[in-house]
């Protein structure tokens, strides 16, 4: 009988300890919290769809190593030659200054790459894209 009472006391102590240390159970989510989470998920889905579309249909090939080189000559709007620098494919054996992704020239791809959701997604992940402006010269040659 003493063994049974000792077992019962230990079991009762274990149950009491569990009851005080156990988590309180599931917490209810309010409709406001649910709607806020739903809105965040929808935004993430839009951003993910934009990036997936770019990668699947707009990016052409692989990243191309590029470097800025000196000794280029360009022609301005008046036909005058002037020295300038230029971005070009990095020469073999050299370290590139960066990499470029060629984008399909289709206007849907260009608009998507320049879209607010793509820029917002990119900026949130530490990527910074800028719309390239066409240079003001008509022709260039590398010497």
Foldseek 3Di string as FASTA:
>chain_A
DVVVVVVVVVVVVVVVVCVVPPDPDDDDDDPVNVVVVVVVVVLVVVLVVLVVCCVPPWWDDDWFFKAKAWAKWFQAPVRDIDTDIDIDGDDPPDHGPDTDTHTDPPVVNVCSCVDPSNQVVQVVVVHHDDDDDDDRTDDMDHD
